[in-house]
Protein backbone atom coordinates (compact mmCIF):
# COMPACT_ATOMS: atom_id res chain seq x y z
CA UNK A 1 -15.22 68.44 67.66
CA UNK A 2 -14.98 70.38 64.44
CA UNK A 3 -11.39 69.34 64.25
CA UNK A 4 -12.70 65.96 64.38
CA UNK A 5 -15.57 66.27 61.78
CA UNK A 6 -12.80 67.89 59.43
CA UNK A 7 -10.22 65.24 60.07
CA UNK A 8 -13.15 62.87 59.23
CA UNK A 9 -14.05 64.65 56.04
CA UNK A 10 -10.49 64.67 54.79
CA UNK A 11 -10.47 60.89 55.47
CA UNK A 12 -13.81 60.28 53.43
CA UNK A 13 -12.43 62.39 50.58
CA UNK A 14 -9.21 60.32 50.49
CA UNK A 15 -10.75 57.14 50.48
CA UNK A 16 -13.34 58.55 47.68
CA UNK A 17 -10.17 59.80 45.77
CA UNK A 18 -8.76 56.29 46.60
CA UNK A 19 -11.71 54.49 45.17
CA UNK A 20 -12.16 56.43 42.35
CA UNK A 21 -8.78 56.56 41.16
CA UNK A 22 -8.65 52.74 41.39
CA UNK A 23 -11.80 52.70 39.38
CA UNK A 24 -10.08 55.16 36.66
CA UNK A 25 -6.98 52.54 36.74
CA UNK A 26 -8.88 49.91 36.31
CA UNK A 27 -11.20 50.99 33.42
CA UNK A 28 -8.09 52.28 31.64
CA UNK A 29 -6.48 48.85 31.75
CA UNK A 30 -9.59 47.29 30.53
CA UNK A 31 -9.64 49.62 27.72
CA UNK A 32 -5.91 49.05 26.91
CA UNK A 33 -6.50 45.48 26.87
CA UNK A 34 -9.47 45.74 24.46
CA UNK A 35 -7.50 47.93 22.24
CA UNK A 36 -4.24 45.28 22.26
CA UNK A 37 -6.73 42.31 21.56
CA UNK A 38 -8.24 44.49 18.80
CA UNK A 39 -4.94 45.19 17.51
CA UNK A 40 -4.02 41.44 17.69
CA UNK A 41 -7.10 40.53 15.56
CA UNK A 42 -6.39 43.24 13.08
CA UNK A 43 -2.73 41.97 12.72
CA UNK A 44 -3.94 38.47 11.92
CA UNK A 45 -6.25 39.81 9.26
CA UNK A 46 -3.71 41.52 7.56
CA UNK A 47 -1.14 38.62 7.61
CA UNK A 48 -4.38 36.66 5.70
CA UNK A 49 -4.40 39.25 3.06
CA UNK A 50 -0.87 39.20 2.49
CA UNK A 51 -0.91 35.41 2.26
CA UNK A 52 -3.77 35.45 -0.19
CA UNK A 53 -1.99 37.98 -2.23
CA UNK A 54 1.10 35.61 -2.53
CA UNK A 55 -1.43 32.73 -3.05
CA UNK A 56 -2.63 34.76 -6.08
CA UNK A 57 0.69 35.46 -7.41
CA UNK A 58 2.60 32.29 -6.98
CA UNK A 59 -0.25 29.73 -8.13
CA UNK A 60 -3.71 30.83 -8.84
CA UNK A 61 -3.55 33.50 -11.34
CA UNK A 62 -1.07 31.67 -13.70
CA UNK A 63 -2.91 28.50 -13.23
CA UNK A 64 -6.68 29.59 -13.72
CA UNK A 65 -5.21 31.79 -16.80
CA UNK A 66 -3.59 29.07 -18.47
CA UNK A 67 -6.51 26.94 -18.06
CA UNK A 68 -8.75 29.85 -19.54
CA UNK A 69 -6.57 30.17 -22.55
CA UNK A 70 -6.72 26.67 -23.77
CA UNK A 71 -10.49 26.38 -23.06
CA UNK A 72 -11.22 29.28 -25.10
CA UNK A 73 -8.95 27.60 -27.69
CA UNK A 74 -10.66 24.54 -27.50
CA UNK A 75 -14.23 26.02 -27.51
CA UNK A 76 -13.53 27.73 -30.56
CA UNK A 77 -11.17 25.77 -32.67
CA UNK A 78 -12.48 22.19 -31.83
CA UNK A 79 -13.15 20.96 -35.40
CA UNK A 80 -10.40 22.95 -36.88
CA UNK A 81 -7.58 22.27 -34.41
CA UNK A 82 -4.07 20.55 -35.23
CA UNK A 83 -4.53 17.80 -32.56
CA UNK A 84 -0.87 16.61 -32.67
CA UNK A 85 0.71 20.22 -32.18
CA UNK A 86 -2.25 21.66 -29.75
CA UNK A 87 -2.18 18.51 -27.28
CA UNK A 88 1.52 18.52 -27.00
CA UNK A 89 1.57 22.06 -26.32
CA UNK A 90 -1.14 22.05 -23.60
CA UNK A 91 0.68 19.05 -22.16
CA UNK A 92 4.17 21.27 -21.68
CA UNK A 93 1.96 24.04 -19.99
CA UNK A 94 2.83 23.96 -16.04
CA UNK A 95 0.07 23.35 -13.41
CA UNK A 96 -1.00 20.12 -15.45
CA UNK A 97 -3.26 22.18 -17.91
CA UNK A 98 -4.14 18.90 -20.20
CA UNK A 99 -5.17 16.82 -17.06
CA UNK A 100 -7.10 19.73 -15.45
CA UNK A 101 -8.89 20.40 -18.77
CA UNK A 102 -10.20 16.93 -19.05
CA UNK A 103 -9.88 14.97 -15.87
CA UNK A 104 -9.56 17.13 -12.83
CA UNK A 105 -10.76 20.72 -11.34
CA UNK A 106 -8.96 23.86 -10.10
CA UNK A 107 -9.55 24.13 -6.25
CA UNK A 108 -9.72 27.37 -4.60
CA UNK A 109 -8.60 27.62 -0.94
CA UNK A 110 -7.00 30.94 -0.07
CA UNK A 111 -5.16 31.25 3.08
CA UNK A 112 -7.83 32.94 5.04
CA UNK A 113 -7.62 30.81 8.65
CA UNK A 114 -7.53 33.71 10.66
CA UNK A 115 -10.31 35.39 9.23
CA UNK A 116 -12.51 32.12 9.18
CA UNK A 117 -11.80 31.70 12.95
CA UNK A 118 -12.59 35.30 13.64
CA UNK A 119 -15.85 34.58 11.90
CA UNK A 120 -16.53 31.39 13.69
CA UNK A 121 -15.59 32.40 17.11
CA UNK A 122 -17.63 35.72 17.48
CA UNK A 123 -14.25 37.68 17.48
CA UNK A 124 -15.54 39.85 14.36
CA UNK A 125 -17.81 42.00 17.06
CA UNK A 126 -14.84 43.01 18.97
CA UNK A 127 -13.56 45.20 15.82
CA UNK A 128 -14.87 48.62 16.62
CA UNK A 129 -14.61 49.63 12.70
CA UNK A 130 -17.80 48.94 11.28
CA UNK A 131 -16.61 49.57 7.78
CA UNK A 132 -13.83 46.80 8.32
CA UNK A 133 -16.70 44.39 9.76
CA UNK A 134 -18.63 44.89 6.78
CA UNK A 135 -16.03 44.17 4.20
CA UNK A 136 -14.85 41.19 5.98
CA UNK A 137 -18.60 39.91 5.68
CA UNK A 138 -18.46 40.53 2.16
CA UNK A 139 -15.25 38.85 1.14
CA UNK A 140 -15.84 35.85 3.02
CA UNK A 141 -19.67 35.50 2.99
CA UNK A 142 -20.37 37.03 -0.37
CA UNK A 143 -17.64 37.16 -2.78
CA UNK A 144 -15.82 33.57 -1.45
CA UNK A 145 -19.23 32.22 -1.19
CA UNK A 146 -19.72 32.90 -4.73
CA UNK A 147 -16.47 31.65 -6.03
CA UNK A 148 -16.82 28.27 -3.83
CA UNK A 149 -20.48 27.68 -5.38
CA UNK A 150 -19.15 28.05 -8.98
CA UNK A 151 -15.73 25.88 -8.24
CA UNK A 152 -18.40 23.30 -6.87
CA UNK A 153 -20.31 23.46 -10.07
CA UNK A 154 -17.02 22.59 -12.19
CA UNK A 155 -16.37 19.62 -9.58
CA UNK A 156 -20.10 18.28 -10.29
CA UNK A 157 -19.26 18.77 -14.19
CA UNK A 158 -16.03 16.99 -13.67
CA UNK A 159 -17.41 13.93 -11.91
CA UNK A 160 -20.36 13.68 -14.34
CA UNK A 161 -17.83 13.78 -17.18
CA UNK A 162 -15.86 10.60 -15.26
CA UNK A 163 -18.82 8.77 -14.87
CA UNK A 164 -19.60 9.11 -18.63
CA UNK A 165 -16.22 7.82 -19.53
CA UNK A 166 -16.42 5.20 -17.43
CA UNK A 167 -20.19 4.22 -18.85
CA UNK A 168 -18.72 4.28 -22.35
CA UNK A 169 -16.77 0.81 -21.53
CA UNK A 170 -14.52 1.51 -24.58
CA UNK A 171 -11.58 -0.71 -24.64
CA UNK A 172 -9.57 1.91 -26.79
CA UNK A 173 -10.54 4.73 -24.47
CA UNK A 174 -9.17 2.41 -21.42
CA UNK A 175 -5.91 1.49 -23.36
CA UNK A 176 -5.21 5.18 -23.82
CA UNK A 177 -6.02 6.17 -20.35
CA UNK A 178 -3.86 3.71 -19.13
CA UNK A 179 -0.85 4.95 -21.18
CA UNK A 180 -1.41 8.20 -20.11
CA UNK A 181 -1.32 7.66 -16.38
CA UNK A 182 2.01 5.97 -16.90
CA UNK A 183 3.19 8.84 -19.02
CA UNK A 184 2.06 11.63 -16.43
CA UNK A 185 4.04 9.38 -13.46
CA UNK A 186 7.17 9.41 -15.88
CA UNK A 187 7.06 13.16 -16.97
CA UNK A 188 6.51 14.07 -13.19
CA UNK A 189 9.73 11.81 -12.20
CA UNK A 190 11.39 13.52 -15.48
CA UNK A 191 11.97 9.95 -16.56
CA UNK A 192 10.68 10.85 -19.90
CA UNK A 193 8.62 13.75 -21.66
CA UNK A 194 6.11 11.45 -23.90
CA UNK A 195 2.87 13.44 -24.76
CA UNK A 196 1.72 10.72 -27.45
CA UNK A 197 -1.21 9.70 -25.13
CA UNK A 198 -2.53 13.30 -24.68
CA UNK A 199 -2.53 13.55 -28.58
CA UNK A 200 -4.27 10.32 -28.83
CA UNK A 201 -6.84 11.49 -26.09
CA UNK A 202 -7.50 14.65 -27.76
CA UNK A 203 -8.01 12.80 -31.10
CA UNK A 204 -10.48 10.52 -29.18
CA UNK A 205 -12.44 13.50 -27.64
CA UNK A 206 -12.71 15.47 -30.52
CA UNK A 207 -14.86 12.83 -32.34
CA UNK A 208 -17.23 12.88 -29.01
CA UNK A 209 -20.05 15.37 -28.91
CA UNK A 210 -20.11 15.09 -25.14
CA UNK A 211 -16.49 16.09 -24.63
CA UNK A 212 -17.01 19.24 -26.63
CA UNK A 213 -20.06 19.96 -24.59
CA UNK A 214 -18.17 19.35 -21.61
CA UNK A 215 -15.35 21.72 -22.37
CA UNK A 216 -17.76 24.47 -23.78
CA UNK A 217 -19.79 24.09 -20.20
CA UNK A 218 -16.52 24.02 -18.34
CA UNK A 219 -15.24 27.14 -20.05
CA UNK A 220 -18.17 29.10 -19.43
CA UNK A 221 -18.31 28.11 -15.71
CA UNK A 222 -14.42 29.06 -15.56
CA UNK A 223 -15.72 32.84 -16.70
CA UNK A 224 -17.84 32.95 -13.68
CA UNK A 225 -15.35 31.89 -11.44
CA UNK A 226 -12.82 34.37 -12.97
CA UNK A 227 -15.22 37.33 -12.66
CA UNK A 228 -16.09 36.33 -8.93
CA UNK A 229 -12.28 36.23 -8.10
CA UNK A 230 -11.89 39.66 -9.54
CA UNK A 231 -14.58 40.82 -7.22
CA UNK A 232 -12.93 39.04 -4.46
CA UNK A 233 -9.63 40.52 -5.18
CA UNK A 234 -11.36 44.04 -5.16
CA UNK A 235 -12.91 43.65 -1.77
CA UNK A 236 -9.53 42.14 -0.58
CA UNK A 237 -7.61 45.06 -1.57
CA UNK A 238 -10.19 47.54 0.15
CA UNK A 239 -10.12 45.59 3.25
CA UNK A 240 -6.23 45.74 3.38
CA UNK A 241 -6.77 49.73 3.15
CA UNK A 242 -9.00 49.81 5.72
CA UNK A 243 -7.18 47.63 7.97
CA UNK A 244 -3.85 49.05 7.46
CA UNK A 245 -5.40 52.47 8.07
CA UNK A 246 -6.72 51.25 11.18
CA UNK A 247 -3.20 49.61 12.50
CA UNK A 248 -1.64 53.05 11.78
CA UNK A 249 -3.86 54.68 14.47
C-alpha cells in the first residue's frame, strides 16, 4: 500500500513538474515574442529617424534656408534693391526659390510613415520604455503639429495672394505671367536660361503694396516654421539616442 502511495506521489509530482515546465516554456516563448516584436517596432522607428535626417540634409534644409535668405532680403530692401540683378540672382537659385517666394509654398512631409502607423494602430503601447513613448508623442503630436499648422498658414497666404492676383484683372500682369510660365518650362528642360520675365514680375510687384505685405507676412511665418523645425530636430535627436540605446540592450 505504501509503495502504491509513494508511486502515486511520484507520478503526481512528475505531472505537476511537467505542467509547470510547460507553462514556464510557454511564458518564456511569449516574453521572447513580445521582445522580438518590440525590437521590430524600435528598428522601424530608428529607420524613420535616419530617413528624416536625410530628408533635411538633401532637400529641406537647403531649400528653406535659400527661401529665408531672399525673403529677408526683399523684406528689408524692397524700395532700394536693384531689381534686374536681384531677380536674376533669385531665379538662378536651386529649389525654384523665385517661384516659391511669389507663386508657391514649401511642403513639409518628413518620412515618418512607420511612426505614424505606430501612432494609429496602437503599437506605441507595446514599447516598454516610457521615455521613448513620451518622446514619440512630443515629436509627432507637438513639434510636427506646430510645423504643419504654420505651413498651412503659408499655404493659406499663398492662396489669398493668388486670388488677389486673379482679382487684379490686369492685362499687363497676365502677359508677364504667361511669358514667365513659358520661361519656367524652357529652363527646366534646359532649352534656354532666360530670366527676363522674373525681372518684369519683380518690377511689377515692387509697385504693389499688397505684394510687399505678402512677402513680409510670409517671411514672419517662415521664422515660426524654422523655429519649430529646430525644436523638431532636437526631439528627433533625443529620440534617436533613446531608441539606439534600447536596441543595444
